[in-house]
Structure formats: C-alpha cells, structure tokens
C-alpha atoms as a PDB file:
ATOM      1  CA  UNK A   1      95.838 196.154  54.388  1.00  0.00           C
ATOM      2  CA  UNK A   2      95.732 196.712  58.364  1.00  0.00           C
ATOM      3  CA  UNK A   3      98.503 198.515  60.317  1.00  0.00           C
ATOM      4  CA  UNK A   4      98.851 198.597  63.853  1.00  0.00           C
ATOM      5  CA  UNK A   5     101.002 200.143  66.757  1.00  0.00           C
ATOM      6  CA  UNK A   6     103.059 196.650  67.296  1.00  0.00           C
ATOM      7  CA  UNK A   7     103.262 196.185  63.193  1.00  0.00           C
ATOM      8  CA  UNK A   8     105.471 199.508  63.229  1.00  0.00           C
ATOM      9  CA  UNK A   9     107.698 198.623  66.291  1.00  0.00           C
ATOM     10  CA  UNK A  10     108.487 195.878  63.961  1.00  0.00           C
ATOM     11  CA  UNK A  11     109.032 198.169  60.910  1.00  0.00           C
ATOM     12  CA  UNK A  12     110.860 200.087  62.817  1.00  0.00           C
ATOM     13  CA  UNK A  13     113.161 197.305  64.124  1.00  0.00           C
ATOM     14  CA  UNK A  14     113.492 196.393  60.021  1.00  0.00           C
ATOM     15  CA  UNK A  15     114.456 199.964  59.618  1.00  0.00           C
ATOM     16  CA  UNK A  16     117.123 200.204  61.893  1.00  0.00           C
ATOM     17  CA  UNK A  17     119.007 196.797  61.041  1.00  0.00           C
ATOM     18  CA  UNK A  18     119.005 197.901  57.220  1.00  0.00           C
ATOM     19  CA  UNK A  19     119.766 201.613  57.576  1.00  0.00           C
ATOM     20  CA  UNK A  20     122.283 201.390  60.873  1.00  0.00           C
ATOM     21  CA  UNK A  21     123.243 198.059  61.023  1.00  0.00           C
ATOM     22  CA  UNK A  22     121.227 197.384  64.493  1.00  0.00           C
ATOM     23  CA  UNK A  23     120.743 193.736  64.468  1.00  0.00           C
ATOM     24  CA  UNK A  24     118.370 192.770  66.985  1.00  0.00           C
ATOM     25  CA  UNK A  25     118.942 189.215  68.352  1.00  0.00           C
ATOM     26  CA  UNK A  26     115.154 188.795  70.030  1.00  0.00           C
ATOM     27  CA  UNK A  27     112.264 190.068  68.670  1.00  0.00           C
ATOM     28  CA  UNK A  28     109.775 192.102  70.817  1.00  0.00           C
ATOM     29  CA  UNK A  29     108.462 191.049  74.509  1.00  0.00           C
ATOM     30  CA  UNK A  30     105.565 189.010  75.043  1.00  0.00           C
ATOM     31  CA  UNK A  31     102.838 189.186  77.420  1.00  0.00           C
ATOM     32  CA  UNK A  32     105.501 188.167  79.777  1.00  0.00           C
ATOM     33  CA  UNK A  33     107.977 191.395  79.056  1.00  0.00           C
ATOM     34  CA  UNK A  34     111.502 189.156  79.649  1.00  0.00           C
ATOM     35  CA  UNK A  35     110.006 186.728  77.416  1.00  0.00           C
ATOM     36  CA  UNK A  36     110.868 188.046  74.031  1.00  0.00           C
ATOM     37  CA  UNK A  37     109.761 186.040  70.413  1.00  0.00           C
ATOM     38  CA  UNK A  38     112.417 185.324  68.211  1.00  0.00           C
ATOM     39  CA  UNK A  39     113.808 188.084  65.793  1.00  0.00           C
ATOM     40  CA  UNK A  40     112.988 185.528  62.351  1.00  0.00           C
ATOM     41  CA  UNK A  41     109.977 187.911  61.388  1.00  0.00           C
ATOM     42  CA  UNK A  42     112.011 191.200  61.813  1.00  0.00           C
ATOM     43  CA  UNK A  43     115.012 189.338  59.603  1.00  0.00           C
ATOM     44  CA  UNK A  44     112.396 188.513  57.064  1.00  0.00           C
ATOM     45  CA  UNK A  45     110.337 192.232  56.905  1.00  0.00           C
ATOM     46  CA  UNK A  46     113.809 193.496  56.269  1.00  0.00           C
ATOM     47  CA  UNK A  47     114.613 191.711  53.423  1.00  0.00           C
ATOM     48  CA  UNK A  48     111.253 192.879  51.997  1.00  0.00           C
ATOM     49  CA  UNK A  49     111.649 196.223  53.207  1.00  0.00           C
ATOM     50  CA  UNK A  50     115.432 196.223  51.084  1.00  0.00           C
ATOM     51  CA  UNK A  51     113.705 194.762  48.093  1.00  0.00           C
ATOM     52  CA  UNK A  52     110.675 197.137  47.856  1.00  0.00           C
ATOM     53  CA  UNK A  53     113.022 200.169  48.917  1.00  0.00           C
ATOM     54  CA  UNK A  54     110.922 200.533  52.109  1.00  0.00           C
ATOM     55  CA  UNK A  55     107.653 200.816  50.868  1.00  0.00           C
ATOM     56  CA  UNK A  56     105.309 199.874  53.874  1.00  0.00           C
ATOM     57  CA  UNK A  57     103.532 197.416  51.840  1.00  0.00           C
ATOM     58  CA  UNK A  58     106.718 195.011  51.368  1.00  0.00           C
ATOM     59  CA  UNK A  59     105.378 193.333  54.191  1.00  0.00           C
ATOM     60  CA  UNK A  60     102.196 192.711  52.866  1.00  0.00           C
ATOM     61  CA  UNK A  61     103.685 191.093  49.528  1.00  0.00           C
ATOM     62  CA  UNK A  62     105.754 188.910  52.222  1.00  0.00           C
ATOM     63  CA  UNK A  63     102.578 187.254  54.112  1.00  0.00           C
ATOM     64  CA  UNK A  64     100.541 187.458  50.681  1.00  0.00           C
ATOM     65  CA  UNK A  65     103.321 185.010  49.198  1.00  0.00           C
ATOM     66  CA  UNK A  66     103.476 183.056  52.165  1.00  0.00           C
ATOM     67  CA  UNK A  67      99.632 182.462  52.381  1.00  0.00           C
ATOM     68  CA  UNK A  68      99.282 181.225  48.780  1.00  0.00           C
ATOM     69  CA  UNK A  69     102.140 178.936  49.381  1.00  0.00           C
ATOM     70  CA  UNK A  70     100.124 177.625  52.097  1.00  0.00           C
ATOM     71  CA  UNK A  71      97.046 177.249  49.887  1.00  0.00           C
ATOM     72  CA  UNK A  72      98.840 175.094  47.947  1.00  0.00           C
ATOM     73  CA  UNK A  73     100.528 173.369  51.234  1.00  0.00           C
ATOM     74  CA  UNK A  74      96.897 172.430  52.115  1.00  0.00           C
ATOM     75  CA  UNK A  75      96.092 171.136  48.773  1.00  0.00           C
ATOM     76  CA  UNK A  76      99.089 168.910  48.741  1.00  0.00           C
ATOM     77  CA  UNK A  77      98.716 167.328  52.745  1.00  0.00           C
ATOM     78  CA  UNK A  78      94.643 166.929  51.702  1.00  0.00           C
ATOM     79  CA  UNK A  79      95.891 164.994  48.873  1.00  0.00           C
ATOM     80  CA  UNK A  80      98.539 162.448  50.574  1.00  0.00           C
ATOM     81  CA  UNK A  81      96.847 162.482  53.520  1.00  0.00           C
ATOM     82  CA  UNK A  82      93.265 161.461  51.810  1.00  0.00           C
ATOM     83  CA  UNK A  83      92.615 162.089  48.419  1.00  0.00           C
ATOM     84  CA  UNK A  84      92.968 164.742  45.526  1.00  0.00           C
ATOM     85  CA  UNK A  85      89.253 165.123  46.016  1.00  0.00           C
ATOM     86  CA  UNK A  86      89.631 166.276  49.537  1.00  0.00           C
ATOM     87  CA  UNK A  87      92.604 168.408  49.055  1.00  0.00           C
ATOM     88  CA  UNK A  88      91.061 170.585  46.790  1.00  0.00           C
ATOM     89  CA  UNK A  89      88.018 171.500  48.779  1.00  0.00           C
ATOM     90  CA  UNK A  90      90.297 171.400  52.153  1.00  0.00           C
ATOM     91  CA  UNK A  91      92.609 173.965  50.142  1.00  0.00           C
ATOM     92  CA  UNK A  92      89.290 175.944  48.900  1.00  0.00           C
ATOM     93  CA  UNK A  93      87.685 176.027  52.189  1.00  0.00           C
ATOM     94  CA  UNK A  94      91.195 177.755  53.468  1.00  0.00           C
ATOM     95  CA  UNK A  95      91.706 179.906  50.771  1.00  0.00           C
ATOM     96  CA  UNK A  96      88.366 181.116  51.437  1.00  0.00           C
ATOM     97  CA  UNK A  97      88.728 181.664  55.108  1.00  0.00           C
ATOM     98  CA  UNK A  98      88.280 185.188  56.427  1.00  0.00           C
ATOM     99  CA  UNK A  99      90.728 184.955  59.110  1.00  0.00           C
ATOM    100  CA  UNK A 100      93.094 183.643  56.633  1.00  0.00           C
ATOM    101  CA  UNK A 101      92.685 186.094  53.993  1.00  0.00           C
ATOM    102  CA  UNK A 102      92.986 188.943  56.637  1.00  0.00           C
ATOM    103  CA  UNK A 103      96.324 187.371  57.493  1.00  0.00           C
ATOM    104  CA  UNK A 104      97.407 187.136  54.107  1.00  0.00           C
ATOM    105  CA  UNK A 105      96.684 191.101  54.219  1.00  0.00           C
ATOM    106  CA  UNK A 106      98.633 191.488  57.773  1.00  0.00           C
ATOM    107  CA  UNK A 107     102.528 191.684  57.943  1.00  0.00           C
ATOM    108  CA  UNK A 108     102.800 190.294  61.328  1.00  0.00           C
ATOM    109  CA  UNK A 109     105.090 187.979  63.298  1.00  0.00           C
ATOM    110  CA  UNK A 110     101.729 185.643  63.214  1.00  0.00           C
ATOM    111  CA  UNK A 111     101.094 185.305  59.917  1.00  0.00           C
ATOM    112  CA  UNK A 112     104.015 182.903  58.855  1.00  0.00           C
ATOM    113  CA  UNK A 113     102.564 180.357  61.351  1.00  0.00           C
ATOM    114  CA  UNK A 114      99.707 178.562  58.966  1.00  0.00           C
ATOM    115  CA  UNK A 115     102.518 177.279  56.138  1.00  0.00           C
ATOM    116  CA  UNK A 116     104.935 176.134  58.954  1.00  0.00           C
ATOM    117  CA  UNK A 117     102.258 174.057  60.839  1.00  0.00           C
ATOM    118  CA  UNK A 118     101.169 172.458  57.754  1.00  0.00           C
ATOM    119  CA  UNK A 119     104.618 171.303  56.613  1.00  0.00           C
ATOM    120  CA  UNK A 120     105.234 170.087  60.054  1.00  0.00           C
ATOM    121  CA  UNK A 121     102.017 167.995  59.896  1.00  0.00           C
ATOM    122  CA  UNK A 122     103.528 166.310  56.775  1.00  0.00           C
ATOM    123  CA  UNK A 123     106.257 165.580  58.695  1.00  0.00           C
ATOM    124  CA  UNK A 124     104.637 164.102  61.716  1.00  0.00           C
ATOM    125  CA  UNK A 125     102.293 161.725  58.775  1.00  0.00           C
ATOM    126  CA  UNK A 126     105.844 160.386  58.301  1.00  0.00           C
ATOM    127  CA  UNK A 127     107.040 159.946  61.488  1.00  0.00           C
ATOM    128  CA  UNK A 128     103.748 158.064  62.189  1.00  0.00           C
ATOM    129  CA  UNK A 129     104.936 155.744  59.223  1.00  0.00           C
ATOM    130  CA  UNK A 130     108.365 155.142  60.950  1.00  0.00           C
ATOM    131  CA  UNK A 131     110.189 157.344  58.857  1.00  0.00           C
ATOM    132  CA  UNK A 132     112.262 159.070  61.906  1.00  0.00           C
ATOM    133  CA  UNK A 133     114.586 160.718  59.368  1.00  0.00           C
ATOM    134  CA  UNK A 134     111.973 163.595  59.392  1.00  0.00           C
ATOM    135  CA  UNK A 135     112.432 164.005  63.254  1.00  0.00           C
ATOM    136  CA  UNK A 136     115.048 166.782  63.191  1.00  0.00           C
ATOM    137  CA  UNK A 137     112.490 168.700  59.861  1.00  0.00           C
ATOM    138  CA  UNK A 138     110.000 168.547  62.973  1.00  0.00           C
ATOM    139  CA  UNK A 139     112.206 169.835  65.226  1.00  0.00           C
ATOM    140  CA  UNK A 140     113.538 172.459  62.726  1.00  0.00           C
ATOM    141  CA  UNK A 141     110.317 173.565  62.492  1.00  0.00           C
ATOM    142  CA  UNK A 142     108.764 173.402  66.230  1.00  0.00           C
ATOM    143  CA  UNK A 143     111.846 175.741  66.568  1.00  0.00           C
ATOM    144  CA  UNK A 144     111.128 178.013  63.668  1.00  0.00           C
ATOM    145  CA  UNK A 145     107.578 178.410  64.715  1.00  0.00           C
ATOM    146  CA  UNK A 146     108.977 179.379  68.840  1.00  0.00           C
ATOM    147  CA  UNK A 147     110.640 181.922  66.686  1.00  0.00           C
ATOM    148  CA  UNK A 148     107.530 183.403  65.189  1.00  0.00           C
ATOM    149  CA  UNK A 149     105.325 182.793  68.668  1.00  0.00           C
ATOM    150  CA  UNK A 150     106.263 181.391  71.551  1.00  0.00           C
ATOM    151  CA  UNK A 151     102.644 179.792  72.456  1.00  0.00           C
ATOM    152  CA  UNK A 152     103.394 177.364  69.542  1.00  0.00           C
ATOM    153  CA  UNK A 153     105.413 175.500  72.432  1.00  0.00           C
ATOM    154  CA  UNK A 154     102.645 173.245  73.145  1.00  0.00           C
ATOM    155  CA  UNK A 155     103.131 171.741  69.235  1.00  0.00           C
ATOM    156  CA  UNK A 156     106.272 169.948  71.273  1.00  0.00           C
ATOM    157  CA  UNK A 157     103.663 167.744  73.078  1.00  0.00           C
ATOM    158  CA  UNK A 158     101.769 166.726  69.813  1.00  0.00           C
ATOM    159  CA  UNK A 159     105.541 165.368  68.908  1.00  0.00           C
ATOM    160  CA  UNK A 160     106.089 163.755  72.462  1.00  0.00           C
ATOM    161  CA  UNK A 161     102.809 162.340  71.946  1.00  0.00           C
ATOM    162  CA  UNK A 162     103.605 160.532  68.845  1.00  0.00           C
ATOM    163  CA  UNK A 163     106.711 159.024  69.845  1.00  0.00           C
ATOM    164  CA  UNK A 164     106.092 157.867  73.433  1.00  0.00           C
ATOM    165  CA  UNK A 165     102.895 156.243  71.326  1.00  0.00           C
ATOM    166  CA  UNK A 166     105.280 154.402  68.860  1.00  0.00           C
ATOM    167  CA  UNK A 167     107.903 153.401  71.195  1.00  0.00           C
ATOM    168  CA  UNK A 168     105.073 151.921  73.474  1.00  0.00           C
ATOM    169  CA  UNK A 169     103.621 149.998  70.578  1.00  0.00           C
ATOM    170  CA  UNK A 170     107.620 148.913  69.553  1.00  0.00           C
ATOM    171  CA  UNK A 171     106.697 150.247  66.311  1.00  0.00           C
ATOM    172  CA  UNK A 172     109.994 152.090  66.713  1.00  0.00           C
ATOM    173  CA  UNK A 173     113.156 151.507  69.338  1.00  0.00           C
ATOM    174  CA  UNK A 174     114.593 153.950  71.141  1.00  0.00           C
ATOM    175  CA  UNK A 175     117.859 153.169  69.287  1.00  0.00           C
ATOM    176  CA  UNK A 176     116.856 154.247  65.988  1.00  0.00           C
ATOM    177  CA  UNK A 177     115.793 157.415  67.447  1.00  0.00           C
ATOM    178  CA  UNK A 178     118.864 158.199  69.054  1.00  0.00           C
ATOM    179  CA  UNK A 179     121.093 157.497  66.093  1.00  0.00           C
ATOM    180  CA  UNK A 180     124.051 159.371  65.433  1.00  0.00           C
ATOM    181  CA  UNK A 181     122.808 160.731  62.162  1.00  0.00           C
ATOM    182  CA  UNK A 182     119.540 161.594  63.252  1.00  0.00           C
ATOM    183  CA  UNK A 183     120.686 163.141  66.404  1.00  0.00           C
ATOM    184  CA  UNK A 184     123.047 165.551  64.871  1.00  0.00           C
ATOM    185  CA  UNK A 185     120.848 166.645  62.250  1.00  0.00           C
ATOM    186  CA  UNK A 186     118.565 167.268  65.349  1.00  0.00           C
ATOM    187  CA  UNK A 187     120.763 169.413  67.048  1.00  0.00           C
ATOM    188  CA  UNK A 188     121.351 171.301  63.924  1.00  0.00           C
ATOM    189  CA  UNK A 189     117.629 171.911  63.590  1.00  0.00           C
ATOM    190  CA  UNK A 190     117.193 172.880  67.265  1.00  0.00           C
ATOM    191  CA  UNK A 191     120.304 175.398  67.801  1.00  0.00           C
ATOM    192  CA  UNK A 192     120.459 176.889  64.563  1.00  0.00           C
ATOM    193  CA  UNK A 193     116.641 179.189  64.414  1.00  0.00           C
ATOM    194  CA  UNK A 194     117.890 179.689  68.155  1.00  0.00           C
ATOM    195  CA  UNK A 195     121.149 180.661  67.540  1.00  0.00           C
ATOM    196  CA  UNK A 196     120.388 184.735  67.664  1.00  0.00           C
ATOM    197  CA  UNK A 197     118.532 183.924  71.290  1.00  0.00           C
ATOM    198  CA  UNK A 198     121.012 181.845  72.658  1.00  0.00           C
ATOM    199  CA  UNK A 199     123.862 184.748  71.659  1.00  0.00           C
ATOM    200  CA  UNK A 200     121.503 187.246  73.768  1.00  0.00           C
ATOM    201  CA  UNK A 201     120.729 185.218  76.614  1.00  0.00           C
ATOM    202  CA  UNK A 202     124.718 184.645  76.945  1.00  0.00           C
ATOM    203  CA  UNK A 203     125.860 188.207  76.416  1.00  0.00           C
ATOM    204  CA  UNK A 204     123.082 188.967  79.178  1.00  0.00           C
ATOM    205  CA  UNK A 205     123.098 186.069  81.967  1.00  0.00           C
ATOM    206  CA  UNK A 206     120.143 184.239  80.694  1.00  0.00           C
ATOM    207  CA  UNK A 207     117.305 186.196  81.048  1.00  0.00           C
ATOM    208  CA  UNK A 208     115.100 183.915  79.523  1.00  0.00           C
END
C-alpha cells in the first residue's frame, strides 16, 4: 500500500480524534488554503483505526471494501442502463483498471469518490425517468462528494443541466420540484453532511 505525507496528516487527525477527543470540523486545506475539504474521510478512517487497533493498514481495509462495493455497483448500473452483459464487461474492465486497483490500496480522501459517483449516476438516471423523489438523494450524494473533494462541485452543473432540460421539455413541472416532501428531504440531504463545516464557519466568521 502507498503511504504519503498527506495520508499521514489524516491518520494523525483521526488518531487525535480517538485518543484526545479532538473532533475536527474540517478536513485538510485544499490548494486554496482558506478552503478545506470536509471531515468525513477523517471520521471514516478513525472508525477503522479503532476497529483494527490503530494499525496503519486499517485505512487500506476501508478503501478495499469501498472498492469492492464500487465494482458491484458498476455491474448493477451497467445492467440497469444497458444489459447484464454490458454490466459484466464494464465491471470486469473497471475491476482490472490499474488506476482503480491503485486507489483501492490507497487510503486517501479521494478513494471513496467512485462508489458515490456510480450511485449518483443511477440516481440521475431515475430523474431522467421523471422520478423526482431521487432528487434529495442526488443532493445528498453531491454534498457527500463535496466532503471528500471540493472539485466535485462541478457535478452540480450536470444536475442543473438535466433538470433544466426536463423543465424545458415540460417532462416535469416546477411545481413537482418544489413539492414540500422533496424540498424538506433535499434540505436535509444538503445540510446534514455539511453540518460540521457549517459549525466551523459559524464559530470562525464564515471564512469559507
């Protein structure tokens, strides 16, 4: 397994969370130092460090589990969107991708992104079928992805594009989108993953 200095920072933060009770509200700074990743990876890593008695390999167990789930997810989404044969071939290509294999062995905050993107694609597919009940799930997944890597904010453009297209074709109505249930669940899906970051900003004058 690869182990670089940035990973060590996450490991130390997770260790301090367990040993000293220092629960971080943010992850580490991005390339723009005032803007931080979310703390979700630190929380997940801390849980696995606790389970495996602080073994440094515990992070790899976490990413391996996530990687295997993403292979299964690739098969499922390929089968739903196309056919079982496409699902099988796509998951085989996915599982043997050198980059994916590398990230499965690389306990880092970017490693969980594929499984959430696969789930996002499935949810967006359901929205293209006019099933707007999946909109809160899409918002929740986008917020989770933002926690892991700020650059994933570009995926919001895809969602707005799909919704804009569906509205322009009158396949869905604005009234359906602002349904009370959908609005409430969407707000929960947006705010819950961002809650630690919001608390940090409230305490520190909204630097982000």
